Structures are given as C-alpha cells and as structure tokens.
Amino acid sequence: MTRECYSCARTAVLDELPPRERVAVDEHWRVAHAFGAGLLGWLVLQPRRHVLSIAELNDDEAAALGHWQVRLSRALTAETGCRKVYVAQFAEAPGFGHVHFHLVPRPPELAQELRGPRVFGLLGDEAGPSERERDEFALRLGARLGRSASSQDRFGS
C-alpha cells in the first residue's frame, strides 16, 4: 500500500467506514458506493489488497471477482430496476491506481448520450445522490446481498 492510495487508506479503517463505503466485504473484496456519481447505485468493487493490475490478482481474488460482479449485477438489477449493469475498469486517475471495477446500473430512462462509456460523464456530478441516500441504498443492497450470502461473507457490517 502507498500513502497516496485512496482505496488502501479507506480499507485500513474498514470498521469506521459508513455504510456507503462498505456495502459488502469479504476476505478479498470491498464494495463501496461511488462518490461524485450522478446515479444512485453506482458501485465500486475493489480488492482489499493493494493491486495495480488485474494480472496481479492472486487466484483466490480472481475467482471471487467474477462471483462478485455477477452477484452485484443481479442485486443492482433487482434493487434499481435497471436494464443493464455496466462494468468497467481503468484505475488511471492520480490516487486511484488501485484496481477497481465500476458497476453502473443503467436505468431505462438514461439519455442516449450518456449510455455506454459516456456514462462516465456523470462522474463528478455534485448534484448526485447525497451521503444519506448512498448510505440508505448501501444498507438495502447489503441486506439484499446478505439474503444470498455465504456464511463466510460479511455484509454491511
């Protein structure tokens, strides 16, 4: 971990994080609601260990990655009524080089000009969901995930 890594700094204080930053957690991954995103339900899936490239994931982390992406996509679809869940990974912004995956629920009413990769135009939206809205959503989604969780997973705790 580097001191400049936002993900590692937040994971280091996991038990102190608000619900929006620990929607779900297991031994390898942490799920957070994105901040500065114009859509409620925009999630970020990140390894708990400092990793800068997908190729650096160990076998256990890699095996859990697909499982998380599918479970989160199903939960987001059920919770938001979205038509699709976009999954993207770039990890290029300063301080955010730690591998992370954006899971973005695409609502049916999303404007055509914001579909596909253009949905990232909604990042930095100051009028997006409030901390309270993200916390409430995180608790609902964590409960939904918990209904189908294995006994080893920790959700919303």
C-alpha atoms as a PDB file:
ATOM      1  CA  MET A   1       0.000   0.000   0.000  1.00  0.00           C
ATOM      2  CA  THR A   2       1.147   3.503  -0.706  1.00  0.00           C
ATOM      3  CA  ARG A   3       0.111   6.523   1.297  1.00  0.00           C
ATOM      4  CA  GLU A   4      -1.336   8.034  -1.879  1.00  0.00           C
ATOM      5  CA  CYS A   5      -3.748   5.116  -2.451  1.00  0.00           C
ATOM      6  CA  TYR A   6      -7.285   6.176  -1.612  1.00  0.00           C
ATOM      7  CA  SER A   7      -8.631   2.599  -1.635  1.00  0.00           C
ATOM      8  CA  CYS A   8      -5.989   1.292   0.755  1.00  0.00           C
ATOM      9  CA  ALA A   9      -6.395   4.260   3.100  1.00  0.00           C
ATOM     10  CA  ARG A  10     -10.148   3.622   3.335  1.00  0.00           C
ATOM     11  CA  THR A  11      -9.795  -0.151   3.694  1.00  0.00           C
ATOM     12  CA  ALA A  12      -7.290   0.404   6.531  1.00  0.00           C
ATOM     13  CA  VAL A  13     -10.119   1.910   8.609  1.00  0.00           C
ATOM     14  CA  LEU A  14     -12.784  -0.541   7.426  1.00  0.00           C
ATOM     15  CA  ASP A  15     -14.675  -0.786  10.717  1.00  0.00           C
ATOM     16  CA  GLU A  16     -15.003   3.018  10.896  1.00  0.00           C
ATOM     17  CA  LEU A  17     -16.433   3.447   7.399  1.00  0.00           C
ATOM     18  CA  PRO A  18     -20.043   4.494   6.830  1.00  0.00           C
ATOM     19  CA  PRO A  19     -22.382   2.011   5.096  1.00  0.00           C
ATOM     20  CA  ARG A  20     -21.830   3.641   1.688  1.00  0.00           C
ATOM     21  CA  GLU A  21     -18.159   2.650   1.832  1.00  0.00           C
ATOM     22  CA  ARG A  22     -18.720  -0.925   2.966  1.00  0.00           C
ATOM     23  CA  VAL A  23     -21.807  -2.116   1.135  1.00  0.00           C
ATOM     24  CA  ALA A  24     -20.330  -5.620   1.267  1.00  0.00           C
ATOM     25  CA  VAL A  25     -16.977  -7.012   2.327  1.00  0.00           C
ATOM     26  CA  ASP A  26     -15.322 -10.383   2.207  1.00  0.00           C
ATOM     27  CA  GLU A  27     -11.793 -11.606   2.719  1.00  0.00           C
ATOM     28  CA  HIS A  28     -10.624 -10.306  -0.683  1.00  0.00           C
ATOM     29  CA  TRP A  29     -13.012  -7.551  -1.848  1.00  0.00           C
ATOM     30  CA  ARG A  30     -14.791  -4.438  -0.623  1.00  0.00           C
ATOM     31  CA  VAL A  31     -17.811  -2.887  -2.307  1.00  0.00           C
ATOM     32  CA  ALA A  32     -18.465   0.846  -1.938  1.00  0.00           C
ATOM     33  CA  HIS A  33     -20.993   3.226  -3.394  1.00  0.00           C
ATOM     34  CA  ALA A  34     -19.156   5.648  -5.665  1.00  0.00           C
ATOM     35  CA  PHE A  35     -18.920   9.270  -4.586  1.00  0.00           C
ATOM     36  CA  GLY A  36     -19.427  12.103  -7.044  1.00  0.00           C
ATOM     37  CA  ALA A  37     -21.514   9.893  -9.318  1.00  0.00           C
ATOM     38  CA  GLY A  38     -24.792  11.074 -10.791  1.00  0.00           C
ATOM     39  CA  LEU A  39     -26.565   7.728 -10.365  1.00  0.00           C
ATOM     40  CA  LEU A  40     -27.763   6.082  -7.178  1.00  0.00           C
ATOM     41  CA  GLY A  41     -26.364   2.558  -7.090  1.00  0.00           C
ATOM     42  CA  TRP A  42     -23.060   3.272  -8.883  1.00  0.00           C
ATOM     43  CA  LEU A  43     -20.773   0.819  -7.110  1.00  0.00           C
ATOM     44  CA  VAL A  44     -17.028   0.321  -6.928  1.00  0.00           C
ATOM     45  CA  LEU A  45     -15.643  -3.185  -6.368  1.00  0.00           C
ATOM     46  CA  GLN A  46     -12.050  -3.141  -5.130  1.00  0.00           C
ATOM     47  CA  PRO A  47      -9.589  -5.695  -3.837  1.00  0.00           C
ATOM     48  CA  ARG A  48      -8.683  -5.221  -0.201  1.00  0.00           C
ATOM     49  CA  ARG A  49      -5.026  -5.851  -1.038  1.00  0.00           C
ATOM     50  CA  HIS A  50      -3.075  -3.185  -2.951  1.00  0.00           C
ATOM     51  CA  VAL A  51      -3.153  -4.275  -6.593  1.00  0.00           C
ATOM     52  CA  LEU A  52      -2.347  -2.072  -9.596  1.00  0.00           C
ATOM     53  CA  SER A  53      -3.198  -4.500 -12.399  1.00  0.00           C
ATOM     54  CA  ILE A  54      -5.710  -7.278 -12.916  1.00  0.00           C
ATOM     55  CA  ALA A  55      -2.742  -9.528 -13.702  1.00  0.00           C
ATOM     56  CA  GLU A  56      -1.577  -9.040 -10.076  1.00  0.00           C
ATOM     57  CA  LEU A  57      -4.693 -10.654  -8.590  1.00  0.00           C
ATOM     58  CA  ASN A  58      -3.965 -13.938  -6.888  1.00  0.00           C
ATOM     59  CA  ASP A  59      -6.045 -16.991  -7.819  1.00  0.00           C
ATOM     60  CA  ASP A  60      -8.475 -16.576  -4.895  1.00  0.00           C
ATOM     61  CA  GLU A  61      -9.062 -12.889  -5.667  1.00  0.00           C
ATOM     62  CA  ALA A  62      -9.539 -13.661  -9.358  1.00  0.00           C
ATOM     63  CA  ALA A  63     -12.003 -16.462  -8.642  1.00  0.00           C
ATOM     64  CA  ALA A  64     -14.046 -14.207  -6.363  1.00  0.00           C
ATOM     65  CA  LEU A  65     -14.045 -11.329  -8.882  1.00  0.00           C
ATOM     66  CA  GLY A  66     -16.460 -12.923 -11.326  1.00  0.00           C
ATOM     67  CA  HIS A  67     -18.676 -14.090  -8.490  1.00  0.00           C
ATOM     68  CA  TRP A  68     -18.879 -10.540  -7.089  1.00  0.00           C
ATOM     69  CA  GLN A  69     -19.564  -8.957 -10.474  1.00  0.00           C
ATOM     70  CA  VAL A  70     -22.481 -11.292 -11.155  1.00  0.00           C
ATOM     71  CA  ARG A  71     -23.933 -11.067  -7.619  1.00  0.00           C
ATOM     72  CA  LEU A  72     -23.697  -7.282  -7.602  1.00  0.00           C
ATOM     73  CA  SER A  73     -25.215  -7.022 -11.079  1.00  0.00           C
ATOM     74  CA  ARG A  74     -28.151  -9.190 -10.036  1.00  0.00           C
ATOM     75  CA  ALA A  75     -28.654  -7.240  -6.813  1.00  0.00           C
ATOM     76  CA  LEU A  76     -28.462  -3.884  -8.628  1.00  0.00           C
ATOM     77  CA  THR A  77     -30.965  -5.057 -11.227  1.00  0.00           C
ATOM     78  CA  ALA A  78     -33.376  -6.202  -8.527  1.00  0.00           C
ATOM     79  CA  GLU A  79     -32.920  -3.066  -6.393  1.00  0.00           C
ATOM     80  CA  THR A  80     -32.963  -0.407  -9.118  1.00  0.00           C
ATOM     81  CA  GLY A  81     -34.954  -1.956 -11.958  1.00  0.00           C
ATOM     82  CA  CYS A  82     -32.093  -1.115 -14.324  1.00  0.00           C
ATOM     83  CA  ARG A  83     -31.942  -2.721 -17.759  1.00  0.00           C
ATOM     84  CA  LYS A  84     -28.195  -3.392 -17.665  1.00  0.00           C
ATOM     85  CA  VAL A  85     -25.265  -3.062 -15.341  1.00  0.00           C
ATOM     86  CA  TYR A  86     -22.146  -1.664 -16.953  1.00  0.00           C
ATOM     87  CA  VAL A  87     -18.821  -2.995 -15.663  1.00  0.00           C
ATOM     88  CA  ALA A  88     -15.649  -1.002 -16.352  1.00  0.00           C
ATOM     89  CA  GLN A  89     -12.086  -0.920 -15.046  1.00  0.00           C
ATOM     90  CA  PHE A  90      -9.488   1.754 -15.762  1.00  0.00           C
ATOM     91  CA  ALA A  91      -7.702   2.729 -12.483  1.00  0.00           C
ATOM     92  CA  GLU A  92      -5.761   5.615 -14.045  1.00  0.00           C
ATOM     93  CA  ALA A  93      -6.669   8.720 -12.009  1.00  0.00           C
ATOM     94  CA  PRO A  94      -4.000  10.049  -9.611  1.00  0.00           C
ATOM     95  CA  GLY A  95      -4.505   8.418  -6.202  1.00  0.00           C
ATOM     96  CA  PHE A  96      -6.837   5.820  -7.736  1.00  0.00           C
ATOM     97  CA  GLY A  97      -4.372   3.475  -9.463  1.00  0.00           C
ATOM     98  CA  HIS A  98      -5.534   0.639  -7.184  1.00  0.00           C
ATOM     99  CA  VAL A  99      -7.534  -1.732  -9.389  1.00  0.00           C
ATOM    100  CA  HIS A 100     -11.254  -1.149  -9.030  1.00  0.00           C
ATOM    101  CA  PHE A 101     -14.314  -2.010 -11.065  1.00  0.00           C
ATOM    102  CA  HIS A 102     -17.221   0.350 -11.634  1.00  0.00           C
ATOM    103  CA  LEU A 103     -20.614  -1.349 -11.644  1.00  0.00           C
ATOM    104  CA  VAL A 104     -23.079   1.168 -13.009  1.00  0.00           C
ATOM    105  CA  PRO A 105     -26.818   0.468 -13.144  1.00  0.00           C
ATOM    106  CA  ARG A 106     -28.166   1.785 -16.452  1.00  0.00           C
ATOM    107  CA  PRO A 107     -31.748   2.906 -15.853  1.00  0.00           C
ATOM    108  CA  PRO A 108     -34.210   2.653 -18.753  1.00  0.00           C
ATOM    109  CA  GLU A 109     -34.637   6.434 -18.808  1.00  0.00           C
ATOM    110  CA  LEU A 110     -30.917   7.220 -19.087  1.00  0.00           C
ATOM    111  CA  ALA A 111     -30.402   9.589 -22.002  1.00  0.00           C
ATOM    112  CA  GLN A 112     -28.888   8.044 -25.129  1.00  0.00           C
ATOM    113  CA  GLU A 113     -25.948  10.447 -24.976  1.00  0.00           C
ATOM    114  CA  LEU A 114     -24.985   9.018 -21.556  1.00  0.00           C
ATOM    115  CA  ARG A 115     -25.141   5.334 -22.462  1.00  0.00           C
ATOM    116  CA  GLY A 116     -22.146   3.041 -22.776  1.00  0.00           C
ATOM    117  CA  PRO A 117     -18.770   4.537 -21.851  1.00  0.00           C
ATOM    118  CA  ARG A 118     -20.301   8.023 -21.959  1.00  0.00           C
ATOM    119  CA  VAL A 119     -21.951   7.215 -18.602  1.00  0.00           C
ATOM    120  CA  PHE A 120     -18.640   8.347 -17.085  1.00  0.00           C
ATOM    121  CA  GLY A 121     -19.801  11.863 -17.951  1.00  0.00           C
ATOM    122  CA  LEU A 122     -21.897  11.516 -14.784  1.00  0.00           C
ATOM    123  CA  LEU A 123     -18.807  11.274 -12.569  1.00  0.00           C
ATOM    124  CA  GLY A 124     -18.071  14.487 -10.739  1.00  0.00           C
ATOM    125  CA  ASP A 125     -21.792  15.300 -10.545  1.00  0.00           C
ATOM    126  CA  GLU A 126     -22.154  17.468  -7.448  1.00  0.00           C
ATOM    127  CA  ALA A 127     -25.941  17.115  -7.654  1.00  0.00           C
ATOM    128  CA  GLY A 128     -25.706  13.328  -7.393  1.00  0.00           C
ATOM    129  CA  PRO A 129     -27.041  11.237  -4.513  1.00  0.00           C
ATOM    130  CA  SER A 130     -26.344  12.584  -1.030  1.00  0.00           C
ATOM    131  CA  GLU A 131     -24.338  10.703   1.594  1.00  0.00           C
ATOM    132  CA  ARG A 132     -27.607   9.814   3.326  1.00  0.00           C
ATOM    133  CA  GLU A 133     -29.120   8.461   0.103  1.00  0.00           C
ATOM    134  CA  ARG A 134     -25.978   6.424  -0.594  1.00  0.00           C
ATOM    135  CA  ASP A 135     -25.941   5.072   2.984  1.00  0.00           C
ATOM    136  CA  GLU A 136     -29.614   4.071   2.770  1.00  0.00           C
ATOM    137  CA  PHE A 137     -29.055   2.428  -0.607  1.00  0.00           C
ATOM    138  CA  ALA A 138     -25.968   0.618   0.715  1.00  0.00           C
ATOM    139  CA  LEU A 139     -27.941  -0.807   3.633  1.00  0.00           C
ATOM    140  CA  ARG A 140     -30.742  -2.004   1.323  1.00  0.00           C
ATOM    141  CA  LEU A 141     -28.324  -3.559  -1.135  1.00  0.00           C
ATOM    142  CA  GLY A 142     -26.249  -5.117   1.644  1.00  0.00           C
ATOM    143  CA  ALA A 143     -29.404  -6.705   3.069  1.00  0.00           C
ATOM    144  CA  ARG A 144     -30.353  -7.993  -0.387  1.00  0.00           C
ATOM    145  CA  LEU A 145     -26.869  -9.462  -0.829  1.00  0.00           C
ATOM    146  CA  GLY A 146     -26.969 -10.919   2.676  1.00  0.00           C
ATOM    147  CA  ARG A 147     -30.046 -12.950   1.829  1.00  0.00           C
ATOM    148  CA  SER A 148     -27.920 -14.933  -0.612  1.00  0.00           C
ATOM    149  CA  ALA A 149     -24.520 -14.646   1.139  1.00  0.00           C
ATOM    150  CA  SER A 150     -22.294 -17.490   2.128  1.00  0.00           C
ATOM    151  CA  SER A 151     -21.568 -17.837   5.823  1.00  0.00           C
ATOM    152  CA  GLN A 152     -18.025 -16.513   5.272  1.00  0.00           C
ATOM    153  CA  ASP A 153     -19.110 -13.143   3.865  1.00  0.00           C
ATOM    154  CA  ARG A 154     -19.693 -10.029   5.955  1.00  0.00           C
ATOM    155  CA  PHE A 155     -22.284  -7.630   4.564  1.00  0.00           C
ATOM    156  CA  GLY A 156     -22.994  -4.088   5.663  1.00  0.00           C
ATOM    157  CA  SER A 157     -21.136  -4.594   8.931  1.00  0.00           C
END
